[in-house]
């Protein structure tokens, strides 16, 4: 069973922005585009480095080290050097904030 945790106020993450959070002790990023929020593990599957400062646009985040790109909705690795997906977490927007589930 999933546990939902309040991660942010609805207006805390601007459109195109991000917030570093933890999901069940796992470093993660809460991202927001013009339509919705996403949450991914803050870890490039290519070299294990954080995605924190990567460019976020067109539904993807790019690793700042080697350019691997990941779809933030599905976690899919979109280009080399990454071949494995990044973990994603369910996100739910409620009246009192943005919640993330641990599975």
N, C-alpha and C. Protein backbone atom coordinates (compact mmCIF):
# COMPACT_ATOMS: atom_id res chain seq x y z
N UNK A 1 0.84 -1.18 0.00
CA UNK A 1 0.00 0.00 0.00
C UNK A 1 0.88 1.25 0.00
N UNK A 2 0.54 2.21 -0.82
CA UNK A 2 1.31 3.45 -0.93
C UNK A 2 1.01 4.39 0.22
N UNK A 3 2.03 5.12 0.61
CA UNK A 3 1.87 6.19 1.58
C UNK A 3 2.03 7.51 0.86
N UNK A 4 1.06 8.40 0.98
CA UNK A 4 1.10 9.71 0.35
C UNK A 4 1.64 10.73 1.34
N UNK A 5 2.61 11.53 0.89
CA UNK A 5 3.23 12.54 1.73
C UNK A 5 3.13 13.90 1.05
N UNK A 6 2.73 14.91 1.80
CA UNK A 6 2.67 16.26 1.27
C UNK A 6 4.10 16.75 1.03
N UNK A 7 4.38 17.14 -0.21
CA UNK A 7 5.73 17.55 -0.58
C UNK A 7 5.88 19.05 -0.74
N UNK A 8 4.78 19.73 -1.10
CA UNK A 8 4.87 21.16 -1.37
C UNK A 8 3.49 21.79 -1.39
N UNK A 9 3.48 23.11 -1.21
CA UNK A 9 2.26 23.87 -1.45
C UNK A 9 2.05 23.93 -2.96
N UNK A 10 0.83 24.12 -3.40
CA UNK A 10 0.53 24.12 -4.84
C UNK A 10 1.33 25.17 -5.59
N UNK A 11 1.52 26.34 -4.99
CA UNK A 11 2.26 27.42 -5.67
C UNK A 11 3.75 27.46 -5.33
N UNK A 12 4.25 26.47 -4.63
CA UNK A 12 5.66 26.47 -4.21
C UNK A 12 6.62 26.17 -5.36
N UNK A 13 6.15 25.43 -6.36
CA UNK A 13 6.98 25.09 -7.52
C UNK A 13 6.42 25.85 -8.72
N UNK A 14 7.18 26.80 -9.26
CA UNK A 14 6.68 27.56 -10.41
C UNK A 14 6.67 26.70 -11.68
N UNK A 15 5.89 27.10 -12.67
CA UNK A 15 5.89 26.40 -13.95
C UNK A 15 7.32 26.40 -14.50
N UNK A 16 7.77 25.23 -14.91
CA UNK A 16 9.14 25.07 -15.40
C UNK A 16 10.16 24.89 -14.29
N UNK A 17 9.68 24.85 -13.04
CA UNK A 17 10.59 24.76 -11.90
C UNK A 17 10.68 23.37 -11.31
N UNK A 18 11.43 23.30 -10.23
CA UNK A 18 11.66 22.03 -9.53
C UNK A 18 11.89 22.28 -8.06
N UNK A 19 11.72 21.23 -7.29
CA UNK A 19 11.96 21.26 -5.86
C UNK A 19 12.60 19.94 -5.48
N UNK A 20 13.69 20.00 -4.73
CA UNK A 20 14.34 18.79 -4.23
C UNK A 20 13.53 18.29 -3.05
N UNK A 21 13.13 17.01 -3.10
CA UNK A 21 12.33 16.39 -2.04
C UNK A 21 12.90 15.01 -1.74
N UNK A 22 12.34 14.37 -0.73
CA UNK A 22 12.67 12.97 -0.45
C UNK A 22 11.39 12.16 -0.46
N UNK A 23 11.46 10.98 -1.05
CA UNK A 23 10.33 10.06 -1.07
C UNK A 23 10.83 8.77 -0.43
N UNK A 24 10.34 8.50 0.78
CA UNK A 24 10.76 7.31 1.51
C UNK A 24 12.29 7.22 1.59
N UNK A 25 12.92 8.34 1.96
CA UNK A 25 14.38 8.48 2.11
C UNK A 25 15.14 8.41 0.78
N UNK A 26 14.46 8.54 -0.34
CA UNK A 26 15.10 8.53 -1.65
C UNK A 26 15.13 9.97 -2.17
N UNK A 27 16.31 10.50 -2.54
CA UNK A 27 16.36 11.85 -3.11
C UNK A 27 15.55 11.89 -4.41
N UNK A 28 14.71 12.90 -4.54
CA UNK A 28 13.83 13.00 -5.70
C UNK A 28 13.65 14.46 -6.10
N UNK A 29 13.10 14.65 -7.30
CA UNK A 29 12.79 15.98 -7.80
C UNK A 29 11.30 16.06 -8.09
N UNK A 30 10.67 17.11 -7.57
CA UNK A 30 9.30 17.43 -7.92
C UNK A 30 9.39 18.49 -9.01
N UNK A 31 8.87 18.19 -10.18
CA UNK A 31 8.96 19.07 -11.34
C UNK A 31 7.57 19.50 -11.76
N UNK A 32 7.48 20.68 -12.37
CA UNK A 32 6.18 21.17 -12.81
C UNK A 32 6.30 21.81 -14.19
N UNK A 33 5.41 21.38 -15.09
CA UNK A 33 5.32 22.07 -16.38
C UNK A 33 4.00 22.83 -16.39
N UNK A 34 3.59 23.33 -17.53
CA UNK A 34 2.37 24.15 -17.61
C UNK A 34 1.11 23.37 -17.28
N UNK A 35 1.17 22.04 -17.35
CA UNK A 35 -0.04 21.24 -17.18
C UNK A 35 -0.09 20.38 -15.92
N UNK A 36 1.07 19.93 -15.43
CA UNK A 36 1.03 19.03 -14.28
C UNK A 36 2.36 18.96 -13.55
N UNK A 37 2.36 18.19 -12.45
CA UNK A 37 3.55 17.95 -11.65
C UNK A 37 4.04 16.53 -11.93
N UNK A 38 5.34 16.32 -11.74
CA UNK A 38 5.97 15.01 -11.91
C UNK A 38 6.96 14.82 -10.76
N UNK A 39 7.25 13.58 -10.43
CA UNK A 39 8.28 13.31 -9.45
C UNK A 39 9.14 12.15 -9.94
N UNK A 40 10.45 12.38 -9.96
CA UNK A 40 11.40 11.36 -10.40
C UNK A 40 12.52 11.23 -9.37
N UNK A 41 13.13 10.08 -9.34
CA UNK A 41 14.30 9.91 -8.49
C UNK A 41 15.41 10.81 -9.02
N UNK A 42 16.10 11.48 -8.12
CA UNK A 42 17.15 12.43 -8.51
C UNK A 42 18.46 11.67 -8.71
N UNK A 43 18.47 10.83 -9.77
CA UNK A 43 19.62 9.97 -10.00
C UNK A 43 19.69 9.59 -11.48
N UNK A 44 20.76 9.96 -12.15
CA UNK A 44 20.96 9.54 -13.52
C UNK A 44 21.33 8.06 -13.52
N UNK A 45 20.62 7.27 -14.30
CA UNK A 45 20.88 5.83 -14.31
C UNK A 45 22.15 5.49 -15.08
N UNK A 46 22.73 6.46 -15.77
CA UNK A 46 23.99 6.21 -16.47
C UNK A 46 25.17 6.23 -15.53
N UNK A 47 25.26 7.26 -14.68
CA UNK A 47 26.46 7.36 -13.83
C UNK A 47 26.17 7.59 -12.35
N UNK A 48 24.89 7.57 -11.96
CA UNK A 48 24.55 7.68 -10.55
C UNK A 48 24.64 9.08 -9.98
N UNK A 49 24.80 10.08 -10.82
CA UNK A 49 24.90 11.46 -10.35
C UNK A 49 23.52 12.11 -10.32
N UNK A 50 23.35 13.19 -9.54
CA UNK A 50 22.05 13.86 -9.45
C UNK A 50 21.64 14.53 -10.76
N UNK A 51 20.34 14.56 -10.98
CA UNK A 51 19.76 15.27 -12.12
C UNK A 51 19.33 16.69 -11.73
N UNK A 52 19.52 17.05 -10.47
CA UNK A 52 19.02 18.28 -9.88
C UNK A 52 19.16 19.50 -10.77
N UNK A 53 20.33 19.73 -11.34
CA UNK A 53 20.58 20.94 -12.11
C UNK A 53 20.39 20.76 -13.61
N UNK A 54 19.81 19.63 -14.01
CA UNK A 54 19.61 19.37 -15.44
C UNK A 54 18.53 20.24 -16.05
N UNK A 55 18.65 20.49 -17.33
CA UNK A 55 17.66 21.28 -18.07
C UNK A 55 16.35 20.50 -18.12
N UNK A 56 15.25 21.19 -17.83
CA UNK A 56 13.92 20.58 -17.84
C UNK A 56 13.07 21.31 -18.88
N UNK A 57 12.78 20.62 -19.98
CA UNK A 57 11.91 21.20 -21.01
C UNK A 57 11.31 20.10 -21.87
N UNK A 58 10.17 20.40 -22.46
CA UNK A 58 9.47 19.47 -23.35
C UNK A 58 9.25 18.10 -22.72
N UNK A 59 8.95 18.07 -21.43
CA UNK A 59 8.64 16.82 -20.75
C UNK A 59 9.83 15.95 -20.42
N UNK A 60 11.04 16.48 -20.57
CA UNK A 60 12.25 15.70 -20.30
C UNK A 60 13.22 16.48 -19.42
N UNK A 61 14.03 15.75 -18.67
CA UNK A 61 15.13 16.35 -17.93
C UNK A 61 16.42 15.77 -18.47
N UNK A 62 17.42 16.63 -18.63
CA UNK A 62 18.71 16.22 -19.19
C UNK A 62 19.76 16.21 -18.10
N UNK A 63 20.51 15.13 -18.01
CA UNK A 63 21.59 15.03 -17.04
C UNK A 63 22.64 16.09 -17.36
N UNK A 64 23.03 16.89 -16.38
CA UNK A 64 24.00 17.95 -16.64
C UNK A 64 25.43 17.44 -16.90
N UNK A 65 25.70 16.18 -16.61
CA UNK A 65 27.07 15.66 -16.80
C UNK A 65 27.32 15.14 -18.20
N UNK A 66 26.48 14.23 -18.68
CA UNK A 66 26.76 13.58 -19.96
C UNK A 66 25.64 13.69 -20.98
N UNK A 67 24.56 14.41 -20.64
CA UNK A 67 23.50 14.66 -21.60
C UNK A 67 22.44 13.59 -21.75
N UNK A 68 22.45 12.58 -20.89
CA UNK A 68 21.36 11.59 -20.94
C UNK A 68 20.05 12.33 -20.67
N UNK A 69 19.00 11.92 -21.34
CA UNK A 69 17.70 12.60 -21.21
C UNK A 69 16.63 11.59 -20.81
N UNK A 70 15.76 12.01 -19.90
CA UNK A 70 14.72 11.13 -19.36
C UNK A 70 13.35 11.80 -19.47
N UNK A 71 12.35 11.02 -19.85
CA UNK A 71 10.96 11.46 -19.86
C UNK A 71 10.50 11.53 -18.41
N UNK A 72 10.04 12.70 -17.95
CA UNK A 72 9.68 12.83 -16.54
C UNK A 72 8.35 12.18 -16.19
N UNK A 73 7.52 11.88 -17.18
CA UNK A 73 6.24 11.21 -16.91
C UNK A 73 6.41 9.70 -16.77
N UNK A 74 7.28 9.11 -17.57
CA UNK A 74 7.44 7.66 -17.58
C UNK A 74 8.77 7.18 -17.02
N UNK A 75 9.76 8.07 -16.97
CA UNK A 75 11.11 7.69 -16.55
C UNK A 75 11.97 7.14 -17.67
N UNK A 76 11.38 6.94 -18.84
CA UNK A 76 12.09 6.34 -19.97
C UNK A 76 13.37 7.11 -20.32
N UNK A 77 14.46 6.36 -20.54
CA UNK A 77 15.70 6.96 -21.04
C UNK A 77 15.50 7.26 -22.52
N UNK A 78 15.66 8.52 -22.90
CA UNK A 78 15.37 8.96 -24.27
C UNK A 78 16.60 9.00 -25.16
N UNK A 79 17.79 9.01 -24.57
CA UNK A 79 19.00 9.03 -25.39
C UNK A 79 20.19 8.51 -24.60
N UNK A 80 21.21 8.12 -25.34
CA UNK A 80 22.45 7.64 -24.74
C UNK A 80 23.13 8.82 -24.03
N UNK A 81 23.92 8.58 -23.02
CA UNK A 81 24.45 7.28 -22.65
C UNK A 81 23.56 6.45 -21.71
N UNK A 82 22.42 6.97 -21.30
CA UNK A 82 21.54 6.19 -20.41
C UNK A 82 20.74 5.17 -21.21
N UNK A 83 20.59 3.99 -20.65
CA UNK A 83 19.78 2.94 -21.27
C UNK A 83 18.68 2.45 -20.34
N UNK A 84 18.80 2.73 -19.06
CA UNK A 84 17.81 2.31 -18.06
C UNK A 84 16.94 3.49 -17.65
N UNK A 85 15.66 3.25 -17.38
CA UNK A 85 14.78 4.35 -16.96
C UNK A 85 15.10 4.83 -15.56
N UNK A 86 14.69 6.06 -15.28
CA UNK A 86 14.78 6.61 -13.93
C UNK A 86 13.45 6.31 -13.23
N UNK A 87 13.50 6.10 -11.95
CA UNK A 87 12.29 5.78 -11.18
C UNK A 87 11.38 7.00 -11.10
N UNK A 88 10.09 6.77 -11.24
CA UNK A 88 9.10 7.83 -11.10
C UNK A 88 8.18 7.52 -9.93
N UNK A 89 7.54 8.55 -9.40
CA UNK A 89 6.62 8.40 -8.27
C UNK A 89 5.28 9.06 -8.62
N UNK A 90 4.16 8.46 -8.20
CA UNK A 90 2.85 9.07 -8.43
C UNK A 90 2.73 10.42 -7.71
N UNK A 91 2.09 11.37 -8.36
CA UNK A 91 1.87 12.71 -7.80
C UNK A 91 0.38 13.01 -7.83
N UNK A 92 -0.11 13.61 -6.77
CA UNK A 92 -1.52 14.00 -6.69
C UNK A 92 -1.61 15.42 -6.14
N UNK A 93 -2.36 16.26 -6.84
CA UNK A 93 -2.58 17.63 -6.39
C UNK A 93 -3.89 17.66 -5.62
N UNK A 94 -3.83 18.14 -4.40
CA UNK A 94 -5.01 18.27 -3.55
C UNK A 94 -5.18 19.74 -3.17
N UNK A 95 -6.28 20.06 -2.56
CA UNK A 95 -6.56 21.45 -2.21
C UNK A 95 -5.48 22.05 -1.31
N UNK A 96 -4.87 21.22 -0.46
CA UNK A 96 -3.88 21.74 0.48
C UNK A 96 -2.43 21.50 0.07
N UNK A 97 -2.19 20.99 -1.15
CA UNK A 97 -0.80 20.83 -1.57
C UNK A 97 -0.60 19.74 -2.59
N UNK A 98 0.69 19.50 -2.86
CA UNK A 98 1.10 18.47 -3.82
C UNK A 98 1.62 17.27 -3.01
N UNK A 99 1.08 16.11 -3.30
CA UNK A 99 1.43 14.89 -2.57
C UNK A 99 2.14 13.91 -3.50
N UNK A 100 3.07 13.14 -2.90
CA UNK A 100 3.83 12.14 -3.65
C UNK A 100 3.66 10.80 -2.92
N UNK A 101 3.44 9.75 -3.71
CA UNK A 101 3.33 8.40 -3.15
C UNK A 101 4.68 7.72 -3.22
N UNK A 102 4.94 6.83 -2.28
CA UNK A 102 6.24 6.16 -2.23
C UNK A 102 6.33 4.94 -3.14
N UNK A 103 5.33 4.67 -3.93
CA UNK A 103 5.44 3.58 -4.90
C UNK A 103 4.56 3.83 -6.10
